[in-house]
Full PDB file with SEQRES, HELIX, SHEET, SSBOND, CRYST1, ORIGX, SCALE, CONECT and MASTER records, all heavy atoms in Angstrom:
SEQRES   1 A   41  LYS ARG ALA ARG LEU ALA ALA LEU LEU VAL VAL ALA SER          
SEQRES   2 A   41  ALA LEU VAL ALA LEU LEU PRO TRP GLN VAL TRP ILE ALA          
SEQRES   3 A   41  ALA HIS PRO LEU VAL LEU PRO PRO GLU LEU HIS GLY LYS          
SEQRES   4 A   41  TYR GLY                                                      
HELIX    1 AA1 ARG A    4  ALA A   27  1                                  24    
HELIX    2 AA2 PRO A   34  TYR A   40  1                                   7    
CRYST1    1.000    1.000    1.000  90.00  90.00  90.00 P 1           1          
ORIGX1      1.000000  0.000000  0.000000        0.00000                         
ORIGX2      0.000000  1.000000  0.000000        0.00000                         
ORIGX3      0.000000  0.000000  1.000000        0.00000                         
SCALE1      1.000000  0.000000  0.000000        0.00000                         
SCALE2      0.000000  1.000000  0.000000        0.00000                         
SCALE3      0.000000  0.000000  1.000000        0.00000                         
ATOM      1  N   LYS A   1     120.211 120.313 106.219  1.00  0.00           N  
ATOM      2  CA  LYS A   1     120.052 121.280 107.305  1.00  0.00           C  
ATOM      3  C   LYS A   1     119.992 120.603 108.673  1.00  0.00           C  
ATOM      4  O   LYS A   1     119.804 121.262 109.695  1.00  0.00           O  
ATOM      5  CB  LYS A   1     118.770 122.093 107.066  1.00  0.00           C  
ATOM      6  CG  LYS A   1     118.714 123.387 107.835  1.00  0.00           C  
ATOM      7  CD  LYS A   1     117.623 124.288 107.325  1.00  0.00           C  
ATOM      8  CE  LYS A   1     117.673 125.618 108.067  1.00  0.00           C  
ATOM      9  NZ  LYS A   1     116.698 126.582 107.551  1.00  0.00           N  
ATOM     10  N   ARG A   2     120.121 119.270 108.682  1.00  0.00           N  
ATOM     11  CA  ARG A   2     120.084 118.465 109.905  1.00  0.00           C  
ATOM     12  C   ARG A   2     118.724 118.535 110.609  1.00  0.00           C  
ATOM     13  O   ARG A   2     118.637 118.382 111.831  1.00  0.00           O  
ATOM     14  CB  ARG A   2     121.194 118.886 110.877  1.00  0.00           C  
ATOM     15  CG  ARG A   2     122.594 118.744 110.293  1.00  0.00           C  
ATOM     16  CD  ARG A   2     123.658 119.113 111.307  1.00  0.00           C  
ATOM     17  NE  ARG A   2     124.983 119.077 110.738  1.00  0.00           N  
ATOM     18  CZ  ARG A   2     125.705 117.983 110.550  1.00  0.00           C  
ATOM     19  NH1 ARG A   2     125.218 116.810 110.926  1.00  0.00           N  
ATOM     20  NH2 ARG A   2     126.907 118.047 110.022  1.00  0.00           N  
ATOM     21  N   ALA A   3     117.668 118.769 109.837  1.00  0.00           N  
ATOM     22  CA  ALA A   3     116.309 118.771 110.388  1.00  0.00           C  
ATOM     23  C   ALA A   3     115.727 117.365 110.223  1.00  0.00           C  
ATOM     24  O   ALA A   3     114.841 117.129 109.401  1.00  0.00           O  
ATOM     25  CB  ALA A   3     115.457 119.820 109.699  1.00  0.00           C  
ATOM     26  N   ARG A   4     116.235 116.430 111.005  1.00  0.00           N  
ATOM     27  CA  ARG A   4     115.887 115.016 110.810  1.00  0.00           C  
ATOM     28  C   ARG A   4     114.426 114.730 111.151  1.00  0.00           C  
ATOM     29  O   ARG A   4     113.765 113.936 110.488  1.00  0.00           O  
ATOM     30  CB  ARG A   4     116.816 114.135 111.645  1.00  0.00           C  
ATOM     31  CG  ARG A   4     118.276 114.215 111.207  1.00  0.00           C  
ATOM     32  CD  ARG A   4     119.139 113.267 112.009  1.00  0.00           C  
ATOM     33  NE  ARG A   4     120.528 113.312 111.571  1.00  0.00           N  
ATOM     34  CZ  ARG A   4     121.424 114.154 112.031  1.00  0.00           C  
ATOM     35  NH1 ARG A   4     121.082 115.032 112.958  1.00  0.00           N  
ATOM     36  NH2 ARG A   4     122.675 114.140 111.576  1.00  0.00           N  
ATOM     37  N   LEU A   5     113.903 115.352 112.207  1.00  0.00           N  
ATOM     38  CA  LEU A   5     112.507 115.122 112.587  1.00  0.00           C  
ATOM     39  C   LEU A   5     111.582 115.600 111.470  1.00  0.00           C  
ATOM     40  O   LEU A   5     110.615 114.907 111.101  1.00  0.00           O  
ATOM     41  CB  LEU A   5     112.173 115.844 113.893  1.00  0.00           C  
ATOM     42  CG  LEU A   5     110.692 115.772 114.319  1.00  0.00           C  
ATOM     43  CD1 LEU A   5     110.262 114.318 114.524  1.00  0.00           C  
ATOM     44  CD2 LEU A   5     110.455 116.604 115.581  1.00  0.00           C  
ATOM     45  N   ALA A   6     111.865 116.779 110.922  1.00  0.00           N  
ATOM     46  CA  ALA A   6     111.039 117.302 109.837  1.00  0.00           C  
ATOM     47  C   ALA A   6     111.102 116.381 108.624  1.00  0.00           C  
ATOM     48  O   ALA A   6     110.083 116.119 107.974  1.00  0.00           O  
ATOM     49  CB  ALA A   6     111.491 118.714 109.461  1.00  0.00           C  
ATOM     50  N   ALA A   7     112.291 115.874 108.319  1.00  0.00           N  
ATOM     51  CA  ALA A   7     112.435 114.960 107.178  1.00  0.00           C  
ATOM     52  C   ALA A   7     111.619 113.688 107.393  1.00  0.00           C  
ATOM     53  O   ALA A   7     110.950 113.186 106.477  1.00  0.00           O  
ATOM     54  CB  ALA A   7     113.903 114.612 106.970  1.00  0.00           C  
ATOM     55  N   LEU A   8     111.639 113.163 108.614  1.00  0.00           N  
ATOM     56  CA  LEU A   8     110.876 111.956 108.928  1.00  0.00           C  
ATOM     57  C   LEU A   8     109.376 112.208 108.795  1.00  0.00           C  
ATOM     58  O   LEU A   8     108.630 111.370 108.266  1.00  0.00           O  
ATOM     59  CB  LEU A   8     111.215 111.500 110.347  1.00  0.00           C  
ATOM     60  CG  LEU A   8     110.534 110.209 110.820  1.00  0.00           C  
ATOM     61  CD1 LEU A   8     110.956 109.031 109.952  1.00  0.00           C  
ATOM     62  CD2 LEU A   8     110.875 109.944 112.281  1.00  0.00           C  
ATOM     63  N   LEU A   9     108.921 113.376 109.250  1.00  0.00           N  
ATOM     64  CA  LEU A   9     107.501 113.699 109.156  1.00  0.00           C  
ATOM     65  C   LEU A   9     107.065 113.895 107.704  1.00  0.00           C  
ATOM     66  O   LEU A   9     105.939 113.548 107.331  1.00  0.00           O  
ATOM     67  CB  LEU A   9     107.203 114.959 109.971  1.00  0.00           C  
ATOM     68  CG  LEU A   9     107.285 114.802 111.494  1.00  0.00           C  
ATOM     69  CD1 LEU A   9     107.129 116.147 112.182  1.00  0.00           C  
ATOM     70  CD2 LEU A   9     106.213 113.823 111.981  1.00  0.00           C  
ATOM     71  N   VAL A  10     107.945 114.455 106.879  1.00  0.00           N  
ATOM     72  CA  VAL A  10     107.633 114.615 105.449  1.00  0.00           C  
ATOM     73  C   VAL A  10     107.415 113.246 104.802  1.00  0.00           C  
ATOM     74  O   VAL A  10     106.445 113.020 104.072  1.00  0.00           O  
ATOM     75  CB  VAL A  10     108.751 115.387 104.722  1.00  0.00           C  
ATOM     76  CG1 VAL A  10     108.580 115.290 103.203  1.00  0.00           C  
ATOM     77  CG2 VAL A  10     108.757 116.847 105.142  1.00  0.00           C  
ATOM     78  N   VAL A  11     108.323 112.299 105.087  1.00  0.00           N  
ATOM     79  CA  VAL A  11     108.203 110.953 104.514  1.00  0.00           C  
ATOM     80  C   VAL A  11     106.925 110.279 105.013  1.00  0.00           C  
ATOM     81  O   VAL A  11     106.172 109.679 104.229  1.00  0.00           O  
ATOM     82  CB  VAL A  11     109.434 110.108 104.879  1.00  0.00           C  
ATOM     83  CG1 VAL A  11     109.221 108.655 104.451  1.00  0.00           C  
ATOM     84  CG2 VAL A  11     110.674 110.660 104.215  1.00  0.00           C  
ATOM     85  N   ALA A  12     106.666 110.379 106.300  1.00  0.00           N  
ATOM     86  CA  ALA A  12     105.501 109.706 106.875  1.00  0.00           C  
ATOM     87  C   ALA A  12     104.203 110.241 106.296  1.00  0.00           C  
ATOM     88  O   ALA A  12     103.301 109.469 105.929  1.00  0.00           O  
ATOM     89  CB  ALA A  12     105.516 109.866 108.396  1.00  0.00           C  
ATOM     90  N   SER A  13     104.090 111.547 106.192  1.00  0.00           N  
ATOM     91  CA  SER A  13     102.842 112.117 105.682  1.00  0.00           C  
ATOM     92  C   SER A  13     102.689 111.857 104.182  1.00  0.00           C  
ATOM     93  O   SER A  13     101.573 111.659 103.682  1.00  0.00           O  
ATOM     94  CB  SER A  13     102.784 113.620 105.971  1.00  0.00           C  
ATOM     95  OG  SER A  13     103.923 114.285 105.451  1.00  0.00           O  
ATOM     96  N   ALA A  14     103.798 111.843 103.438  1.00  0.00           N  
ATOM     97  CA  ALA A  14     103.714 111.493 102.014  1.00  0.00           C  
ATOM     98  C   ALA A  14     103.237 110.057 101.845  1.00  0.00           C  
ATOM     99  O   ALA A  14     102.435 109.757 100.944  1.00  0.00           O  
ATOM    100  CB  ALA A  14     105.071 111.691 101.344  1.00  0.00           C  
ATOM    101  N   LEU A  15     103.709 109.156 102.717  1.00  0.00           N  
ATOM    102  CA  LEU A  15     103.265 107.755 102.653  1.00  0.00           C  
ATOM    103  C   LEU A  15     101.781 107.629 102.980  1.00  0.00           C  
ATOM    104  O   LEU A  15     101.079 106.797 102.393  1.00  0.00           O  
ATOM    105  CB  LEU A  15     104.081 106.899 103.611  1.00  0.00           C  
ATOM    106  CG  LEU A  15     105.516 106.588 103.172  1.00  0.00           C  
ATOM    107  CD1 LEU A  15     106.241 105.809 104.258  1.00  0.00           C  
ATOM    108  CD2 LEU A  15     105.527 105.808 101.864  1.00  0.00           C  
ATOM    109  N   VAL A  16     101.294 108.458 103.891  1.00  0.00           N  
ATOM    110  CA  VAL A  16      99.864 108.440 104.207  1.00  0.00           C  
ATOM    111  C   VAL A  16      99.039 108.752 102.962  1.00  0.00           C  
ATOM    112  O   VAL A  16      97.985 108.151 102.720  1.00  0.00           O  
ATOM    113  CB  VAL A  16      99.555 109.452 105.332  1.00  0.00           C  
ATOM    114  CG1 VAL A  16      98.044 109.677 105.460  1.00  0.00           C  
ATOM    115  CG2 VAL A  16     100.128 108.967 106.654  1.00  0.00           C  
ATOM    116  N   ALA A  17      99.540 109.688 102.151  1.00  0.00           N  
ATOM    117  CA  ALA A  17      98.825 110.059 100.923  1.00  0.00           C  
ATOM    118  C   ALA A  17      98.978 109.013  99.821  1.00  0.00           C  
ATOM    119  O   ALA A  17      98.038 108.732  99.083  1.00  0.00           O  
ATOM    120  CB  ALA A  17      99.328 111.420 100.432  1.00  0.00           C  
ATOM    121  N   LEU A  18     100.166 108.418  99.718  1.00  0.00           N  
ATOM    122  CA  LEU A  18     100.473 107.551  98.574  1.00  0.00           C  
ATOM    123  C   LEU A  18     100.192 106.074  98.818  1.00  0.00           C  
ATOM    124  O   LEU A  18      99.873 105.338  97.877  1.00  0.00           O  
ATOM    125  CB  LEU A  18     101.952 107.713  98.197  1.00  0.00           C  
ATOM    126  CG  LEU A  18     102.355 109.041  97.573  1.00  0.00           C  
ATOM    127  CD1 LEU A  18     103.866 109.124  97.431  1.00  0.00           C  
ATOM    128  CD2 LEU A  18     101.700 109.203  96.212  1.00  0.00           C  
ATOM    129  N   LEU A  19     100.325 105.617 100.059  1.00  0.00           N  
ATOM    130  CA  LEU A  19     100.284 104.177 100.317  1.00  0.00           C  
ATOM    131  C   LEU A  19      98.960 103.511  99.946  1.00  0.00           C  
ATOM    132  O   LEU A  19      98.965 102.421  99.368  1.00  0.00           O  
ATOM    133  CB  LEU A  19     100.627 103.918 101.785  1.00  0.00           C  
ATOM    134  CG  LEU A  19     101.096 102.500 102.114  1.00  0.00           C  
ATOM    135  CD1 LEU A  19     102.294 102.121 101.251  1.00  0.00           C  
ATOM    136  CD2 LEU A  19     101.434 102.388 103.588  1.00  0.00           C  
ATOM    137  N   PRO A  20      97.792 104.123 100.234  1.00  0.00           N  
ATOM    138  CA  PRO A  20      96.538 103.443  99.864  1.00  0.00           C  
ATOM    139  C   PRO A  20      96.450 103.112  98.377  1.00  0.00           C  
ATOM    140  O   PRO A  20      96.021 102.013  98.010  1.00  0.00           O  
ATOM    141  CB  PRO A  20      95.463 104.453 100.283  1.00  0.00           C  
ATOM    142  CG  PRO A  20      96.090 105.232 101.379  1.00  0.00           C  
ATOM    143  CD  PRO A  20      97.533 105.356 100.992  1.00  0.00           C  
ATOM    144  N   TRP A  21      96.857 104.039  97.539  1.00  0.00           N  
ATOM    145  CA  TRP A  21      96.814 103.786  96.094  1.00  0.00           C  
ATOM    146  C   TRP A  21      97.802 102.694  95.699  1.00  0.00           C  
ATOM    147  O   TRP A  21      97.489 101.819  94.886  1.00  0.00           O  
ATOM    148  CB  TRP A  21      97.100 105.075  95.341  1.00  0.00           C  
ATOM    149  CG  TRP A  21      97.198 104.924  93.848  1.00  0.00           C  
ATOM    150  CD1 TRP A  21      98.293 105.160  93.068  1.00  0.00           C  
ATOM    151  CD2 TRP A  21      96.178 104.483  92.948  1.00  0.00           C  
ATOM    152  NE1 TRP A  21      98.017 104.909  91.736  1.00  0.00           N  
ATOM    153  CE2 TRP A  21      96.722 104.479  91.643  1.00  0.00           C  
ATOM    154  CE3 TRP A  21      94.853 104.076  93.116  1.00  0.00           C  
ATOM    155  CZ2 TRP A  21      95.989 104.101  90.518  1.00  0.00           C  
ATOM    156  CZ3 TRP A  21      94.129 103.706  91.991  1.00  0.00           C  
ATOM    157  CH2 TRP A  21      94.695 103.717  90.717  1.00  0.00           C  
ATOM    158  N   GLN A  22      98.989 102.706  96.279  1.00  0.00           N  
ATOM    159  CA  GLN A  22      99.975 101.687  95.956  1.00  0.00           C  
ATOM    160  C   GLN A  22      99.523 100.301  96.429  1.00  0.00           C  
ATOM    161  O   GLN A  22      99.738  99.295  95.739  1.00  0.00           O  
ATOM    162  CB  GLN A  22     101.325 102.042  96.598  1.00  0.00           C  
ATOM    163  CG  GLN A  22     101.911 103.359  96.138  1.00  0.00           C  
ATOM    164  CD  GLN A  22     102.086 103.412  94.626  1.00  0.00           C  
ATOM    165  OE1 GLN A  22     102.507 102.439  94.005  1.00  0.00           O  
ATOM    166  NE2 GLN A  22     101.763 104.560  94.024  1.00  0.00           N  
ATOM    167  N   VAL A  23      98.885 100.245  97.587  1.00  0.00           N  
ATOM    168  CA  VAL A  23      98.368  98.972  98.086  1.00  0.00           C  
ATOM    169  C   VAL A  23      97.268  98.453  97.163  1.00  0.00           C  
ATOM    170  O   VAL A  23      97.206  97.261  96.846  1.00  0.00           O  
ATOM    171  CB  VAL A  23      97.836  99.137  99.526  1.00  0.00           C  
ATOM    172  CG1 VAL A  23      97.073  97.890  99.969  1.00  0.00           C  
ATOM    173  CG2 VAL A  23      99.001  99.413 100.481  1.00  0.00           C  
ATOM    174  N   TRP A  24      96.404  99.343  96.706  1.00  0.00           N  
ATOM    175  CA  TRP A  24      95.319  98.928  95.806  1.00  0.00           C  
ATOM    176  C   TRP A  24      95.892  98.386  94.497  1.00  0.00           C  
ATOM    177  O   TRP A  24      95.431  97.360  93.984  1.00  0.00           O  
ATOM    178  CB  TRP A  24      94.400 100.116  95.517  1.00  0.00           C  
ATOM    179  CG  TRP A  24      93.139  99.717  94.820  1.00  0.00           C  
ATOM    180  CD1 TRP A  24      91.948  99.380  95.391  1.00  0.00           C  
ATOM    181  CD2 TRP A  24      92.948  99.589  93.404  1.00  0.00           C  
ATOM    182  NE1 TRP A  24      91.029  99.063  94.420  1.00  0.00           N  
ATOM    183  CE2 TRP A  24      91.605  99.176  93.197  1.00  0.00           C  
ATOM    184  CE3 TRP A  24      93.771  99.777  92.300  1.00  0.00           C  
ATOM    185  CZ2 TRP A  24      91.088  98.959  91.925  1.00  0.00           C  
ATOM    186  CZ3 TRP A  24      93.251  99.552  91.036  1.00  0.00           C  
ATOM    187  CH2 TRP A  24      91.921  99.150  90.854  1.00  0.00           C  
ATOM    188  N   ILE A  25      96.921  99.068  93.954  1.00  0.00           N  
ATOM    189  CA  ILE A  25      97.553  98.596  92.714  1.00  0.00           C  
ATOM    190  C   ILE A  25      98.162  97.210  92.918  1.00  0.00           C  
ATOM    191  O   ILE A  25      98.017  96.314  92.082  1.00  0.00           O  
ATOM    192  CB  ILE A  25      98.629  99.596  92.256  1.00  0.00           C  
ATOM    193  CG1 ILE A  25      97.987 100.895  91.784  1.00  0.00           C  
ATOM    194  CG2 ILE A  25      99.481  98.996  91.134  1.00  0.00           C  
ATOM    195  CD1 ILE A  25      98.983 101.975  91.448  1.00  0.00           C  
ATOM    196  N   ALA A  26      98.865  97.035  94.046  1.00  0.00           N  
ATOM    197  CA  ALA A  26      99.506  95.748  94.315  1.00  0.00           C  
ATOM    198  C   ALA A  26      98.478  94.628  94.486  1.00  0.00           C  
ATOM    199  O   ALA A  26      98.739  93.472  94.159  1.00  0.00           O  
ATOM    200  CB  ALA A  26     100.371  95.859  95.567  1.00  0.00           C  
ATOM    201  N   ALA A  27      97.290  94.981  94.972  1.00  0.00           N  
ATOM    202  CA  ALA A  27      96.262  93.972  95.205  1.00  0.00           C  
ATOM    203  C   ALA A  27      95.486  93.607  93.945  1.00  0.00           C  
ATOM    204  O   ALA A  27      94.746  92.629  93.936  1.00  0.00           O  
ATOM    205  CB  ALA A  27      95.286  94.466  96.275  1.00  0.00           C  
ATOM    206  N   HIS A  28      95.632  94.412  92.882  1.00  0.00           N  
ATOM    207  CA  HIS A  28      94.875  94.171  91.645  1.00  0.00           C  
ATOM    208  C   HIS A  28      95.799  94.190  90.425  1.00  0.00           C  
ATOM    209  O   HIS A  28      95.580  94.938  89.477  1.00  0.00           O  
ATOM    210  CB  HIS A  28      93.778  95.227  91.475  1.00  0.00           C  
ATOM    211  CG  HIS A  28      92.789  95.252  92.584  1.00  0.00           C  
ATOM    212  ND1 HIS A  28      93.017  95.932  93.757  1.00  0.00           N  
ATOM    213  CD2 HIS A  28      91.562  94.678  92.714  1.00  0.00           C  
ATOM    214  CE1 HIS A  28      91.971  95.777  94.558  1.00  0.00           C  
ATOM    215  NE2 HIS A  28      91.080  95.022  93.953  1.00  0.00           N  
ATOM    216  N   PRO A  29      96.829  93.357  90.418  1.00  0.00           N  
ATOM    217  CA  PRO A  29      97.783  93.416  89.293  1.00  0.00           C  
ATOM    218  C   PRO A  29      97.239  92.828  88.004  1.00  0.00           C  
ATOM    219  O   PRO A  29      97.747  93.123  86.924  1.00  0.00           O  
ATOM    220  CB  PRO A  29      98.973  92.591  89.812  1.00  0.00           C  
ATOM    221  CG  PRO A  29      98.341  91.605  90.750  1.00  0.00           C  
ATOM    222  CD  PRO A  29      97.207  92.339  91.403  1.00  0.00           C  
ATOM    223  N   LEU A  30      96.212  91.982  88.085  1.00  0.00           N  
ATOM    224  CA  LEU A  30      95.733  91.268  86.893  1.00  0.00           C  
ATOM    225  C   LEU A  30      94.350  91.726  86.465  1.00  0.00           C  
ATOM    226  O   LEU A  30      93.640  91.007  85.768  1.00  0.00           O  
ATOM    227  CB  LEU A  30      95.729  89.756  87.172  1.00  0.00           C  
ATOM    228  CG  LEU A  30      97.081  89.158  87.583  1.00  0.00           C  
ATOM    229  CD1 LEU A  30      96.927  87.679  87.899  1.00  0.00           C  
ATOM    230  CD2 LEU A  30      98.107  89.356  86.477  1.00  0.00           C  
ATOM    231  N   VAL A  31      93.944  92.915  86.877  1.00  0.00           N  
ATOM    232  CA  VAL A  31      92.626  93.416  86.484  1.00  0.00           C  
ATOM    233  C   VAL A  31      92.558  93.609  84.976  1.00  0.00           C  
ATOM    234  O   VAL A  31      91.546  93.319  84.336  1.00  0.00           O  
ATOM    235  CB  VAL A  31      92.317  94.739  87.213  1.00  0.00           C  
ATOM    236  CG1 VAL A  31      91.079  95.395  86.633  1.00  0.00           C  
ATOM    237  CG2 VAL A  31      92.118  94.477  88.699  1.00  0.00           C  
ATOM    238  N   LEU A  32      93.638  94.092  84.379  1.00  0.00           N  
ATOM    239  CA  LEU A  32      93.683  94.357  82.944  1.00  0.00           C  
ATOM    240  C   LEU A  32      94.473  93.277  82.225  1.00  0.00           C  
ATOM    241  O   LEU A  32      95.454  92.765  82.755  1.00  0.00           O  
ATOM    242  CB  LEU A  32      94.347  95.717  82.675  1.00  0.00           C  
ATOM    243  CG  LEU A  32      93.642  96.949  83.238  1.00  0.00           C  
ATOM    244  CD1 LEU A  32      94.512  98.182  83.027  1.00  0.00           C  
ATOM    245  CD2 LEU A  32      92.291  97.144  82.581  1.00  0.00           C  
ATOM    246  N   PRO A  33      94.088  92.949  81.002  1.00  0.00           N  
ATOM    247  CA  PRO A  33      94.913  92.043  80.202  1.00  0.00           C  
ATOM    248  C   PRO A  33      96.219  92.729  79.818  1.00  0.00           C  
ATOM    249  O   PRO A  33      96.301  93.966  79.828  1.00  0.00           O  
ATOM    250  CB  PRO A  33      94.051  91.760  78.971  1.00  0.00           C  
ATOM    251  CG  PRO A  33      93.126  92.916  78.880  1.00  0.00           C  
ATOM    252  CD  PRO A  33      92.860  93.351  80.289  1.00  0.00           C  
ATOM    253  N   PRO A  34      97.259  91.972  79.481  1.00  0.00           N  
ATOM    254  CA  PRO A  34      98.566  92.579  79.175  1.00  0.00           C  
ATOM    255  C   PRO A  34      98.498  93.636  78.077  1.00  0.00           C  
ATOM    256  O   PRO A  34      99.259  94.604  78.099  1.00  0.00           O  
ATOM    257  CB  PRO A  34      99.413  91.376  78.738  1.00  0.00           C  
ATOM    258  CG  PRO A  34      98.766  90.200  79.383  1.00  0.00           C  
ATOM    259  CD  PRO A  34      97.300  90.500  79.434  1.00  0.00           C  
ATOM    260  N   GLU A  35      97.583  93.477  77.128  1.00  0.00           N  
ATOM    261  CA  GLU A  35      97.500  94.412  76.004  1.00  0.00           C  
ATOM    262  C   GLU A  35      97.080  95.824  76.436  1.00  0.00           C  
ATOM    263  O   GLU A  35      97.284  96.781  75.686  1.00  0.00           O  
ATOM    264  CB  GLU A  35      96.509  93.888  74.956  1.00  0.00           C  
ATOM    265  CG  GLU A  35      96.993  92.672  74.196  1.00  0.00           C  
ATOM    266  CD  GLU A  35      96.917  91.404  75.025  1.00  0.00           C  
ATOM    267  OE1 GLU A  35      96.159  91.385  76.024  1.00  0.00           O  
ATOM    268  OE2 GLU A  35      97.616  90.423  74.682  1.00  0.00           O  
ATOM    269  N   LEU A  36      96.512  95.973  77.619  1.00  0.00           N  
ATOM    270  CA  LEU A  36      96.073  97.290  78.088  1.00  0.00           C  
ATOM    271  C   LEU A  36      97.002  97.896  79.131  1.00  0.00           C  
ATOM    272  O   LEU A  36      96.788  99.028  79.560  1.00  0.00           O  
ATOM    273  CB  LEU A  36      94.660  97.198  78.673  1.00  0.00           C  
ATOM    274  CG  LEU A  36      93.528  96.852  77.710  1.00  0.00           C  
ATOM    275  CD1 LEU A  36      92.187  97.034  78.390  1.00  0.00           C  
ATOM    276  CD2 LEU A  36      93.592  97.704  76.458  1.00  0.00           C  
ATOM    277  N   HIS A  37      98.033  97.155  79.552  1.00  0.00           N  
ATOM    278  CA  HIS A  37      98.913  97.671  80.599  1.00  0.00           C  
ATOM    279  C   HIS A  37      99.625  98.945  80.168  1.00  0.00           C  
ATOM    280  O   HIS A  37      99.839  99.849  80.966  1.00  0.00           O  
ATOM    281  CB  HIS A  37      99.934  96.602  80.993  1.00  0.00           C  
ATOM    282  CG  HIS A  37      99.342  95.525  81.836  1.00  0.00           C  
ATOM    283  ND1 HIS A  37     100.066  94.447  82.311  1.00  0.00           N  
ATOM    284  CD2 HIS A  37      98.084  95.326  82.302  1.00  0.00           C  
ATOM    285  CE1 HIS A  37      99.284  93.655  83.025  1.00  0.00           C  
ATOM    286  NE2 HIS A  37      98.077  94.168  83.022  1.00  0.00           N  
ATOM    287  N   GLY A  38     100.025  99.034  78.896  1.00  0.00           N  
ATOM    288  CA  GLY A  38     100.757 100.199  78.440  1.00  0.00           C  
ATOM    289  C   GLY A  38      99.961 101.483  78.528  1.00  0.00           C  
ATOM    290  O   GLY A  38     100.492 102.534  78.894  1.00  0.00           O  
ATOM    291  N   LYS A  39      98.669 101.414  78.200  1.00  0.00           N  
ATOM    292  CA  LYS A  39      97.840 102.618  78.216  1.00  0.00           C  
ATOM    293  C   LYS A  39      97.188 102.880  79.569  1.00  0.00           C  
ATOM    294  O   LYS A  39      96.971 104.029  79.946  1.00  0.00           O  
ATOM    295  CB  LYS A  39      96.741 102.510  77.155  1.00  0.00           C  
ATOM    296  CG  LYS A  39      97.221 102.774  75.742  1.00  0.00           C  
ATOM    297  CD  LYS A  39      96.038 102.976  74.800  1.00  0.00           C  
ATOM    298  CE  LYS A  39      96.514 103.427  73.428  1.00  0.00           C  
ATOM    299  NZ  LYS A  39      95.381 103.723  72.523  1.00  0.00           N  
ATOM    300  N   TYR A  40      96.850 101.801  80.293  1.00  0.00           N  
ATOM    301  CA  TYR A  40      96.048 101.977  81.489  1.00  0.00           C  
ATOM    302  C   TYR A  40      96.652 101.347  82.739  1.00  0.00           C  
ATOM    303  O   TYR A  40      96.026 101.383  83.801  1.00  0.00           O  
ATOM    304  CB  TYR A  40      94.644 101.380  81.253  1.00  0.00           C  
ATOM    305  CG  TYR A  40      93.909 102.056  80.123  1.00  0.00           C  
ATOM    306  CD1 TYR A  40      93.758 101.423  78.890  1.00  0.00           C  
ATOM    307  CD2 TYR A  40      93.377 103.325  80.274  1.00  0.00           C  
ATOM    308  CE1 TYR A  40      93.089 102.047  77.846  1.00  0.00           C  
ATOM    309  CE2 TYR A  40      92.702 103.952  79.246  1.00  0.00           C  
ATOM    310  CZ  TYR A  40      92.559 103.310  78.023  1.00  0.00           C  
ATOM    311  OH  TYR A  40      91.893 103.932  76.998  1.00  0.00           O  
ATOM    312  N   GLY A  41      97.852 100.814  82.630  1.00  0.00           N  
ATOM    313  CA  GLY A  41      98.475 100.176  83.776  1.00  0.00           C  
ATOM    314  C   GLY A  41      99.479 101.081  84.471  1.00  0.00           C  
ATOM    315  O   GLY A  41      99.542 102.292  84.234  1.00  0.00           O  
TER     316      GLY A  41                                                      
MASTER        0    0    0    2    0    0    0    6  315    1    0    4          
END                                                                             
């Protein structure tokens, strides 16, 4: 629909919601042993 500003705002606000969790995951990759990654990783 060529609503580029709206599309940019959708991406930005979605990142505000998602980024903290993704950063936390990236910062704690080895919290669980490999045997638990399938169920809890």
